[in-house]
Amino acid sequence: MTIEKVTNVIAAGAAVSPWWMPSLASVSQTAALLLPILGVVWLAVQIYWKVTGRDDD
């Protein structure tokens, strides 16, 4: 892919951004809500594996 094609795709995406930006904002809000929850779950899984000795390397 040439640099001109990449530039054209970026320009087209920017031109139609009013159509897709609201959905991206919605995804961002959802991710901001779920990320801390998933982080705590992942931490709990790691602690469980360490405490039970299942992390034998």
PDB file of N, CA and C in Angstrom:
ATOM      1  N   MET A   1       0.857  -1.174   0.000  1.00  0.00           N
ATOM      2  CA  MET A   1       0.000   0.000   0.000  1.00  0.00           C
ATOM      3  C   MET A   1       0.900   1.233   0.000  1.00  0.00           C
ATOM      4  N   THR A   2       0.658   2.108  -0.909  1.00  0.00           N
ATOM      5  CA  THR A   2       1.482   3.308  -0.998  1.00  0.00           C
ATOM      6  C   THR A   2       1.030   4.356   0.006  1.00  0.00           C
ATOM      7  N   ILE A   3       1.884   5.319   0.235  1.00  0.00           N
ATOM      8  CA  ILE A   3       1.582   6.380   1.195  1.00  0.00           C
ATOM      9  C   ILE A   3       0.378   7.205   0.744  1.00  0.00           C
ATOM     10  N   GLU A   4       0.190   7.330  -0.559  1.00  0.00           N
ATOM     11  CA  GLU A   4      -0.964   8.083  -1.059  1.00  0.00           C
ATOM     12  C   GLU A   4      -2.268   7.381  -0.707  1.00  0.00           C
ATOM     13  N   LYS A   5      -2.278   6.063  -0.824  1.00  0.00           N
ATOM     14  CA  LYS A   5      -3.487   5.307  -0.471  1.00  0.00           C
ATOM     15  C   LYS A   5      -3.783   5.408   1.021  1.00  0.00           C
ATOM     16  N   VAL A   6      -2.742   5.331   1.834  1.00  0.00           N
ATOM     17  CA  VAL A   6      -2.923   5.456   3.280  1.00  0.00           C
ATOM     18  C   VAL A   6      -3.481   6.832   3.618  1.00  0.00           C
ATOM     19  N   THR A   7      -2.912   7.858   3.003  1.00  0.00           N
ATOM     20  CA  THR A   7      -3.380   9.219   3.231  1.00  0.00           C
ATOM     21  C   THR A   7      -4.831   9.376   2.803  1.00  0.00           C
ATOM     22  N   ASN A   8      -5.201   8.784   1.678  1.00  0.00           N
ATOM     23  CA  ASN A   8      -6.585   8.869   1.213  1.00  0.00           C
ATOM     24  C   ASN A   8      -7.549   8.189   2.174  1.00  0.00           C
ATOM     25  N   VAL A   9      -7.165   7.045   2.707  1.00  0.00           N
ATOM     26  CA  VAL A   9      -8.025   6.329   3.652  1.00  0.00           C
ATOM     27  C   VAL A   9      -8.197   7.145   4.938  1.00  0.00           C
ATOM     28  N   ILE A  10      -7.113   7.725   5.414  1.00  0.00           N
ATOM     29  CA  ILE A  10      -7.202   8.543   6.629  1.00  0.00           C
ATOM     30  C   ILE A  10      -8.078   9.765   6.396  1.00  0.00           C
ATOM     31  N   ALA A  11      -7.924  10.407   5.241  1.00  0.00           N
ATOM     32  CA  ALA A  11      -8.738  11.580   4.929  1.00  0.00           C
ATOM     33  C   ALA A  11     -10.213  11.212   4.814  1.00  0.00           C
ATOM     34  N   ALA A  12     -10.501  10.082   4.194  1.00  0.00           N
ATOM     35  CA  ALA A  12     -11.894   9.639   4.067  1.00  0.00           C
ATOM     36  C   ALA A  12     -12.482   9.317   5.442  1.00  0.00           C
ATOM     37  N   GLY A  13     -11.705   8.683   6.290  1.00  0.00           N
ATOM     38  CA  GLY A  13     -12.173   8.383   7.638  1.00  0.00           C
ATOM     39  C   GLY A  13     -12.459   9.641   8.431  1.00  0.00           C
ATOM     40  N   ALA A  14     -11.612  10.634   8.268  1.00  0.00           N
ATOM     41  CA  ALA A  14     -11.832  11.898   8.965  1.00  0.00           C
ATOM     42  C   ALA A  14     -13.070  12.610   8.427  1.00  0.00           C
ATOM     43  N   ALA A  15     -13.304  12.490   7.125  1.00  0.00           N
ATOM     44  CA  ALA A  15     -14.451  13.169   6.518  1.00  0.00           C
ATOM     45  C   ALA A  15     -15.778  12.584   6.988  1.00  0.00           C
ATOM     46  N   VAL A  16     -15.808  11.280   7.256  1.00  0.00           N
ATOM     47  CA  VAL A  16     -17.055  10.640   7.685  1.00  0.00           C
ATOM     48  C   VAL A  16     -17.098  10.418   9.196  1.00  0.00           C
ATOM     49  N   SER A  17     -16.161  11.025   9.918  1.00  0.00           N
ATOM     50  CA  SER A  17     -16.102  10.813  11.364  1.00  0.00           C
ATOM     51  C   SER A  17     -17.369  11.210  12.110  1.00  0.00           C
ATOM     52  N   PRO A  18     -18.147  12.198  11.661  1.00  0.00           N
ATOM     53  CA  PRO A  18     -19.385  12.470  12.399  1.00  0.00           C
ATOM     54  C   PRO A  18     -20.330  11.273  12.456  1.00  0.00           C
ATOM     55  N   TRP A  19     -20.207  10.340  11.531  1.00  0.00           N
ATOM     56  CA  TRP A  19     -21.085   9.167  11.527  1.00  0.00           C
ATOM     57  C   TRP A  19     -20.605   8.091  12.489  1.00  0.00           C
ATOM     58  N   TRP A  20     -19.282   7.915  12.633  1.00  0.00           N
ATOM     59  CA  TRP A  20     -18.800   6.824  13.475  1.00  0.00           C
ATOM     60  C   TRP A  20     -18.271   7.261  14.831  1.00  0.00           C
ATOM     61  N   MET A  21     -18.076   8.526  15.062  1.00  0.00           N
ATOM     62  CA  MET A  21     -17.573   8.983  16.352  1.00  0.00           C
ATOM     63  C   MET A  21     -18.521   8.701  17.525  1.00  0.00           C
ATOM     64  N   PRO A  22     -19.839   8.870  17.378  1.00  0.00           N
ATOM     65  CA  PRO A  22     -20.709   8.549  18.520  1.00  0.00           C
ATOM     66  C   PRO A  22     -20.607   7.095  18.974  1.00  0.00           C
ATOM     67  N   SER A  23     -20.502   6.174  18.026  1.00  0.00           N
ATOM     68  CA  SER A  23     -20.378   4.766  18.421  1.00  0.00           C
ATOM     69  C   SER A  23     -19.032   4.508  19.080  1.00  0.00           C
ATOM     70  N   LEU A  24     -17.994   5.190  18.639  1.00  0.00           N
ATOM     71  CA  LEU A  24     -16.683   5.044  19.256  1.00  0.00           C
ATOM     72  C   LEU A  24     -16.693   5.595  20.680  1.00  0.00           C
ATOM     73  N   ALA A  25     -17.403   6.678  20.888  1.00  0.00           N
ATOM     74  CA  ALA A  25     -17.527   7.237  22.238  1.00  0.00           C
ATOM     75  C   ALA A  25     -18.256   6.269  23.151  1.00  0.00           C
ATOM     76  N   SER A  26     -19.267   5.597  22.629  1.00  0.00           N
ATOM     77  CA  SER A  26     -20.006   4.611  23.410  1.00  0.00           C
ATOM     78  C   SER A  26     -19.103   3.443  23.800  1.00  0.00           C
ATOM     79  N   VAL A  27     -18.305   2.979  22.860  1.00  0.00           N
ATOM     80  CA  VAL A  27     -17.369   1.890  23.145  1.00  0.00           C
ATOM     81  C   VAL A  27     -16.358   2.333  24.194  1.00  0.00           C
ATOM     82  N   SER A  28     -15.904   3.564  24.087  1.00  0.00           N
ATOM     83  CA  SER A  28     -14.927   4.084  25.039  1.00  0.00           C
ATOM     84  C   SER A  28     -15.519   4.152  26.449  1.00  0.00           C
ATOM     85  N   GLN A  29     -16.761   4.583  26.562  1.00  0.00           N
ATOM     86  CA  GLN A  29     -17.396   4.651  27.873  1.00  0.00           C
ATOM     87  C   GLN A  29     -17.571   3.259  28.465  1.00  0.00           C
ATOM     88  N   THR A  30     -17.944   2.311  27.635  1.00  0.00           N
ATOM     89  CA  THR A  30     -18.107   0.935  28.100  1.00  0.00           C
ATOM     90  C   THR A  30     -16.769   0.353  28.546  1.00  0.00           C
ATOM     91  N   ALA A  31     -15.736   0.610  27.759  1.00  0.00           N
ATOM     92  CA  ALA A  31     -14.406   0.117  28.123  1.00  0.00           C
ATOM     93  C   ALA A  31     -13.920   0.747  29.419  1.00  0.00           C
ATOM     94  N   ALA A  32     -14.205   2.030  29.602  1.00  0.00           N
ATOM     95  CA  ALA A  32     -13.791   2.703  30.832  1.00  0.00           C
ATOM     96  C   ALA A  32     -14.500   2.110  32.043  1.00  0.00           C
ATOM     97  N   LEU A  33     -15.703   1.612  31.863  1.00  0.00           N
ATOM     98  CA  LEU A  33     -16.432   0.978  32.956  1.00  0.00           C
ATOM     99  C   LEU A  33     -15.926  -0.437  33.223  1.00  0.00           C
ATOM    100  N   LEU A  34     -15.681  -1.190  32.167  1.00  0.00           N
ATOM    101  CA  LEU A  34     -15.321  -2.597  32.323  1.00  0.00           C
ATOM    102  C   LEU A  34     -13.851  -2.833  32.647  1.00  0.00           C
ATOM    103  N   LEU A  35     -12.969  -1.957  32.225  1.00  0.00           N
ATOM    104  CA  LEU A  35     -11.537  -2.200  32.401  1.00  0.00           C
ATOM    105  C   LEU A  35     -11.131  -2.363  33.861  1.00  0.00           C
ATOM    106  N   PRO A  36     -11.567  -1.509  34.780  1.00  0.00           N
ATOM    107  CA  PRO A  36     -11.190  -1.742  36.183  1.00  0.00           C
ATOM    108  C   PRO A  36     -11.752  -3.044  36.746  1.00  0.00           C
ATOM    109  N   ILE A  37     -12.960  -3.396  36.342  1.00  0.00           N
ATOM    110  CA  ILE A  37     -13.572  -4.646  36.802  1.00  0.00           C
ATOM    111  C   ILE A  37     -12.769  -5.839  36.303  1.00  0.00           C
ATOM    112  N   LEU A  38     -12.433  -5.822  35.031  1.00  0.00           N
ATOM    113  CA  LEU A  38     -11.646  -6.919  34.459  1.00  0.00           C
ATOM    114  C   LEU A  38     -10.245  -6.971  35.068  1.00  0.00           C
ATOM    115  N   GLY A  39      -9.685  -5.817  35.397  1.00  0.00           N
ATOM    116  CA  GLY A  39      -8.382  -5.775  36.041  1.00  0.00           C
ATOM    117  C   GLY A  39      -8.406  -6.438  37.406  1.00  0.00           C
ATOM    118  N   VAL A  40      -9.445  -6.185  38.185  1.00  0.00           N
ATOM    119  CA  VAL A  40      -9.581  -6.808  39.505  1.00  0.00           C
ATOM    120  C   VAL A  40      -9.791  -8.311  39.371  1.00  0.00           C
ATOM    121  N   VAL A  41     -10.588  -8.724  38.403  1.00  0.00           N
ATOM    122  CA  VAL A  41     -10.798 -10.157  38.171  1.00  0.00           C
ATOM    123  C   VAL A  41      -9.479 -10.823  37.792  1.00  0.00           C
ATOM    124  N   TRP A  42      -8.714 -10.197  36.907  1.00  0.00           N
ATOM    125  CA  TRP A  42      -7.434 -10.766  36.487  1.00  0.00           C
ATOM    126  C   TRP A  42      -6.474 -10.849  37.672  1.00  0.00           C
ATOM    127  N   LEU A  43      -6.453  -9.821  38.518  1.00  0.00           N
ATOM    128  CA  LEU A  43      -5.619  -9.841  39.702  1.00  0.00           C
ATOM    129  C   LEU A  43      -6.026 -10.975  40.643  1.00  0.00           C
ATOM    130  N   ALA A  44      -7.327 -11.175  40.807  1.00  0.00           N
ATOM    131  CA  ALA A  44      -7.810 -12.265  41.655  1.00  0.00           C
ATOM    132  C   ALA A  44      -7.396 -13.622  41.099  1.00  0.00           C
ATOM    133  N   VAL A  45      -7.460 -13.793  39.801  1.00  0.00           N
ATOM    134  CA  VAL A  45      -7.029 -15.053  39.174  1.00  0.00           C
ATOM    135  C   VAL A  45      -5.544 -15.273  39.414  1.00  0.00           C
ATOM    136  N   GLN A  46      -4.735 -14.228  39.255  1.00  0.00           N
ATOM    137  CA  GLN A  46      -3.298 -14.361  39.470  1.00  0.00           C
ATOM    138  C   GLN A  46      -2.982 -14.708  40.924  1.00  0.00           C
ATOM    139  N   ILE A  47      -3.675 -14.080  41.852  1.00  0.00           N
ATOM    140  CA  ILE A  47      -3.470 -14.393  43.273  1.00  0.00           C
ATOM    141  C   ILE A  47      -3.869 -15.835  43.557  1.00  0.00           C
ATOM    142  N   TYR A  48      -4.993 -16.272  43.009  1.00  0.00           N
ATOM    143  CA  TYR A  48      -5.440 -17.659  43.204  1.00  0.00           C
ATOM    144  C   TYR A  48      -4.388 -18.642  42.704  1.00  0.00           C
ATOM    145  N   TRP A  49      -3.877 -18.394  41.496  1.00  0.00           N
ATOM    146  CA  TRP A  49      -2.876 -19.309  40.933  1.00  0.00           C
ATOM    147  C   TRP A  49      -1.601 -19.309  41.771  1.00  0.00           C
ATOM    148  N   LYS A  50      -1.219 -18.159  42.316  1.00  0.00           N
ATOM    149  CA  LYS A  50      -0.010 -18.091  43.138  1.00  0.00           C
ATOM    150  C   LYS A  50      -0.211 -18.800  44.469  1.00  0.00           C
ATOM    151  N   VAL A  51      -1.359 -18.588  45.098  1.00  0.00           N
ATOM    152  CA  VAL A  51      -1.636 -19.192  46.407  1.00  0.00           C
ATOM    153  C   VAL A  51      -1.767 -20.700  46.302  1.00  0.00           C
ATOM    154  N   THR A  52      -2.390 -21.190  45.253  1.00  0.00           N
ATOM    155  CA  THR A  52      -2.587 -22.641  45.110  1.00  0.00           C
ATOM    156  C   THR A  52      -1.364 -23.336  44.544  1.00  0.00           C
ATOM    157  N   GLY A  53      -0.331 -22.581  44.181  1.00  0.00           N
ATOM    158  CA  GLY A  53       0.901 -23.189  43.679  1.00  0.00           C
ATOM    159  C   GLY A  53       0.801 -23.713  42.265  1.00  0.00           C
ATOM    160  N   ARG A  54      -0.131 -23.212  41.494  1.00  0.00           N
ATOM    161  CA  ARG A  54      -0.306 -23.689  40.124  1.00  0.00           C
ATOM    162  C   ARG A  54       0.555 -22.920  39.131  1.00  0.00           C
ATOM    163  N   ASP A  55       1.413 -22.064  39.620  1.00  0.00           N
ATOM    164  CA  ASP A  55       2.242 -21.284  38.718  1.00  0.00           C
ATOM    165  C   ASP A  55       3.661 -21.873  38.600  1.00  0.00           C
ATOM    166  N   ASP A  56       3.776 -23.177  38.777  1.00  0.00           N
ATOM    167  CA  ASP A  56       5.089 -23.819  38.683  1.00  0.00           C
ATOM    168  C   ASP A  56       5.681 -23.607  37.301  1.00  0.00           C
ATOM    169  N   ASP A  57       6.787 -22.908  37.301  1.00  0.00           N
ATOM    170  CA  ASP A  57       7.434 -22.604  36.015  1.00  0.00           C
ATOM    171  C   ASP A  57       8.370 -23.692  35.604  1.00  0.00           C
TER     172      ASP A  57
END
